[in-house]
Amino acid sequence: MIQHKLIEACKQNSRRAQLKLYNKYCDGMYYVALRFMKDSMEAEDAMQEAFIKAFAKLHQFNGEVTFGAWLKKIVINKCLDKLKAKKLELVAINEQVLGTVEEENNWQVEDGIGLEEVKQKMENLPEKYKYPLMLYLVEGYDHEEISEILNITQVASRTLVHRGKKKLQEELKTLSNGTGY
């Protein structure tokens, strides 16, 4: 079934169409949730709740972005809501103190360090850096999208990503040569 027809059938509350759409996206959305929740059961719960919300709000899907991108944003927001509920509050940033940060285009990782090492070291970062950096580096969101998802300013997003990259580079430097220098 062509995807737009499948979505239209879902809008008409076709359980068969909903199951097909769920089966098509559940694995990918589970892994998105797992990157945030770190626990398979919590990730599955977040993903399930996100699908329920998506089906309830399907009438709001207008096709401006792909269905997968729309659903991914719902999954991420659900994960962040669950994390906030667990008292993992994101630190509010005072942008008058931080000022602005220009993006560094020369950010790179040492040869021989793979994606898994980067993700592992990202886990050690404080939450205030980890989630913006994960949205930026892993999920591919820009600062405007990150600011909407995390309910912070774009300046705060740039600053948190910049500082997160610096901290991540320090962690990776330590991994690379064991001393941090």
Protein backbone atom coordinates (compact mmCIF):
# COMPACT_ATOMS: atom_id res chain seq x y z
CA MET A 1 0.00 0.00 0.00
CA ILE A 2 1.36 3.45 -0.92
CA GLN A 3 2.29 5.42 2.19
CA HIS A 4 -0.06 8.38 1.70
CA LYS A 5 -2.97 5.96 1.23
CA LEU A 6 -1.85 4.10 4.35
CA ILE A 7 -1.81 7.37 6.32
CA GLU A 8 -5.25 8.30 5.01
CA ALA A 9 -6.57 4.89 6.08
CA CYS A 10 -5.03 5.47 9.53
CA LYS A 11 -6.81 8.82 9.73
CA GLN A 12 -10.05 6.86 9.21
CA ASN A 13 -9.11 4.68 12.23
CA SER A 14 -8.32 1.58 10.19
CA ARG A 15 -6.64 -0.73 12.71
CA ARG A 16 -5.10 -2.77 9.90
CA ALA A 17 -3.52 0.36 8.37
CA GLN A 18 -2.32 1.49 11.81
CA LEU A 19 -0.67 -1.88 12.38
CA LYS A 20 1.06 -1.69 8.98
CA LEU A 21 2.33 1.82 9.71
CA TYR A 22 3.42 0.77 13.19
CA ASN A 23 5.30 -2.27 11.84
CA LYS A 24 7.00 -0.11 9.23
CA TYR A 25 8.39 2.39 11.76
CA CYS A 26 8.53 0.65 15.16
CA ASP A 27 12.11 -0.65 14.95
CA GLY A 28 13.61 2.68 13.89
CA MET A 29 11.62 4.64 16.45
CA TYR A 30 12.59 2.17 19.18
CA TYR A 31 16.27 2.86 18.53
CA VAL A 32 15.66 6.61 18.58
CA ALA A 33 13.93 6.20 21.97
CA LEU A 34 16.69 3.89 23.24
CA ARG A 35 19.34 6.54 22.54
CA PHE A 36 17.53 8.80 25.00
CA MET A 37 16.09 6.39 27.57
CA LYS A 38 19.05 3.95 27.88
CA ASP A 39 16.71 1.25 29.18
CA SER A 40 14.99 -1.06 26.71
CA MET A 41 11.71 -1.21 28.67
CA GLU A 42 11.55 2.57 29.09
CA ALA A 43 12.44 3.06 25.43
CA GLU A 44 9.69 0.68 24.38
CA ASP A 45 7.18 2.47 26.64
CA ALA A 46 8.18 5.85 25.21
CA MET A 47 7.91 4.54 21.65
CA GLN A 48 4.49 2.98 22.30
CA GLU A 49 3.18 6.18 23.89
CA ALA A 50 4.57 8.18 20.97
CA PHE A 51 2.70 5.98 18.47
CA ILE A 52 -0.52 6.38 20.45
CA LYS A 53 -0.05 10.15 20.42
CA ALA A 54 0.85 10.12 16.71
CA PHE A 55 -2.28 8.17 15.79
CA ALA A 56 -4.40 10.53 17.92
CA LYS A 57 -2.81 13.58 16.26
CA LEU A 58 -2.54 12.15 12.75
CA HIS A 59 -5.00 14.75 11.49
CA GLN A 60 -2.24 17.33 12.20
CA PHE A 61 0.20 15.60 9.84
CA ASN A 62 0.18 17.74 6.71
CA GLY A 63 2.99 16.18 4.67
CA GLU A 64 5.36 19.18 4.92
CA VAL A 65 7.97 16.72 6.22
CA THR A 66 8.12 12.96 5.79
CA PHE A 67 5.95 10.89 8.08
CA GLY A 68 9.10 9.34 9.58
CA ALA A 69 10.53 12.75 10.49
CA TRP A 70 7.19 13.83 11.99
CA LEU A 71 6.96 10.63 14.03
CA LYS A 72 10.61 10.87 15.12
CA LYS A 73 9.97 14.32 16.58
CA ILE A 74 7.03 12.92 18.57
CA VAL A 75 9.19 10.05 19.85
CA ILE A 76 11.97 12.42 20.90
CA ASN A 77 9.53 14.76 22.63
CA LYS A 78 7.95 11.81 24.46
CA CYS A 79 11.40 10.65 25.63
CA LEU A 80 12.30 14.12 26.83
CA ASP A 81 8.96 14.37 28.67
CA LYS A 82 9.67 11.06 30.38
CA LEU A 83 13.19 12.15 31.31
CA LYS A 84 11.90 15.41 32.74
CA ALA A 85 9.33 13.47 34.72
CA LYS A 86 12.21 11.47 36.22
CA LYS A 87 13.70 14.74 37.46
CA LEU A 88 16.42 14.89 34.85
CA GLU A 89 15.71 18.56 34.30
CA LEU A 90 17.63 20.31 31.60
CA VAL A 91 19.51 23.24 33.07
CA ALA A 92 18.05 26.59 32.07
CA ILE A 93 20.62 28.75 30.37
CA ASN A 94 20.90 32.49 30.91
CA GLU A 95 21.75 33.75 27.44
CA GLN A 96 22.88 37.18 28.73
CA VAL A 97 25.73 35.41 30.52
CA LEU A 98 26.61 33.09 27.65
CA GLY A 99 26.53 35.47 24.72
CA THR A 100 26.74 33.93 21.25
CA VAL A 101 29.01 31.23 19.94
CA GLU A 102 29.98 30.85 16.31
CA GLU A 103 29.86 27.32 14.94
CA GLU A 104 33.24 25.67 14.54
CA ASN A 105 33.54 23.97 11.18
CA ASN A 106 36.85 22.33 12.06
CA TRP A 107 35.44 19.95 14.68
CA GLN A 108 36.86 16.50 14.05
CA VAL A 109 37.66 13.25 15.78
CA GLU A 110 40.98 11.39 15.85
CA ASP A 111 41.47 8.61 13.31
CA GLY A 112 40.62 5.20 14.73
CA ILE A 113 37.81 6.43 16.99
CA GLY A 114 34.49 5.01 15.83
CA LEU A 115 30.87 6.02 16.23
CA GLU A 116 30.35 3.70 19.20
CA GLU A 117 33.21 5.34 21.12
CA VAL A 118 31.78 8.77 20.36
CA LYS A 119 28.31 7.69 21.56
CA GLN A 120 29.80 6.08 24.67
CA LYS A 121 31.77 9.21 25.59
CA MET A 122 28.69 11.33 24.87
CA GLU A 123 26.94 9.37 27.64
CA ASN A 124 29.46 10.76 30.17
CA LEU A 125 28.52 14.35 29.39
CA PRO A 126 26.20 16.29 31.71
CA GLU A 127 22.54 16.19 30.56
CA LYS A 128 22.60 19.89 29.66
CA TYR A 129 25.17 19.10 26.94
CA LYS A 130 24.31 15.48 26.12
CA TYR A 131 20.79 15.98 24.77
CA PRO A 132 21.43 19.04 22.58
CA LEU A 133 24.60 17.40 21.26
CA MET A 134 22.77 14.11 20.59
CA LEU A 135 20.02 15.96 18.71
CA TYR A 136 22.64 17.85 16.69
CA LEU A 137 25.27 15.19 15.95
CA VAL A 138 23.29 11.93 16.02
CA GLU A 139 19.76 12.95 15.01
CA GLY A 140 20.81 15.72 12.61
CA TYR A 141 18.57 18.53 13.88
CA ASP A 142 19.57 22.17 13.40
CA HIS A 143 19.60 24.78 16.16
CA GLU A 144 16.12 26.07 15.32
CA GLU A 145 14.68 22.56 15.67
CA ILE A 146 16.69 21.84 18.83
CA SER A 147 15.45 25.07 20.40
CA GLU A 148 11.84 24.03 19.71
CA ILE A 149 12.31 20.46 20.96
CA LEU A 150 14.13 21.42 24.17
CA ASN A 151 12.20 24.67 24.68
CA ILE A 152 15.37 26.79 24.79
CA THR A 153 16.60 29.67 22.64
CA GLN A 154 18.64 29.12 19.49
CA VAL A 155 21.52 30.95 21.20
CA ALA A 156 21.34 28.48 24.09
CA SER A 157 21.25 25.58 21.60
CA ARG A 158 24.37 26.85 19.81
CA THR A 159 26.14 27.40 23.13
CA LEU A 160 25.22 23.99 24.55
CA VAL A 161 26.22 22.19 21.35
CA HIS A 162 29.49 24.15 21.18
CA ARG A 163 30.37 23.44 24.81
CA GLY A 164 29.22 19.83 24.48
CA LYS A 165 31.51 19.38 21.46
CA LYS A 166 34.43 20.81 23.45
CA LYS A 167 33.78 18.46 26.39
CA LEU A 168 33.31 15.52 24.00
CA GLN A 169 36.59 16.34 22.27
CA GLU A 170 38.35 16.35 25.65
CA GLU A 171 36.82 12.95 26.47
CA LEU A 172 37.84 11.56 23.06
CA LYS A 173 41.36 12.99 23.39
CA THR A 174 41.72 11.09 26.67
CA LEU A 175 40.48 7.94 24.93
CA SER A 176 42.90 8.44 22.06
CA ASN A 177 46.11 8.93 24.02
CA GLY A 178 45.16 8.15 27.61
CA THR A 179 46.38 11.42 29.10
CA GLY A 180 44.15 14.12 27.70
CA TYR A 181 47.14 15.94 26.17
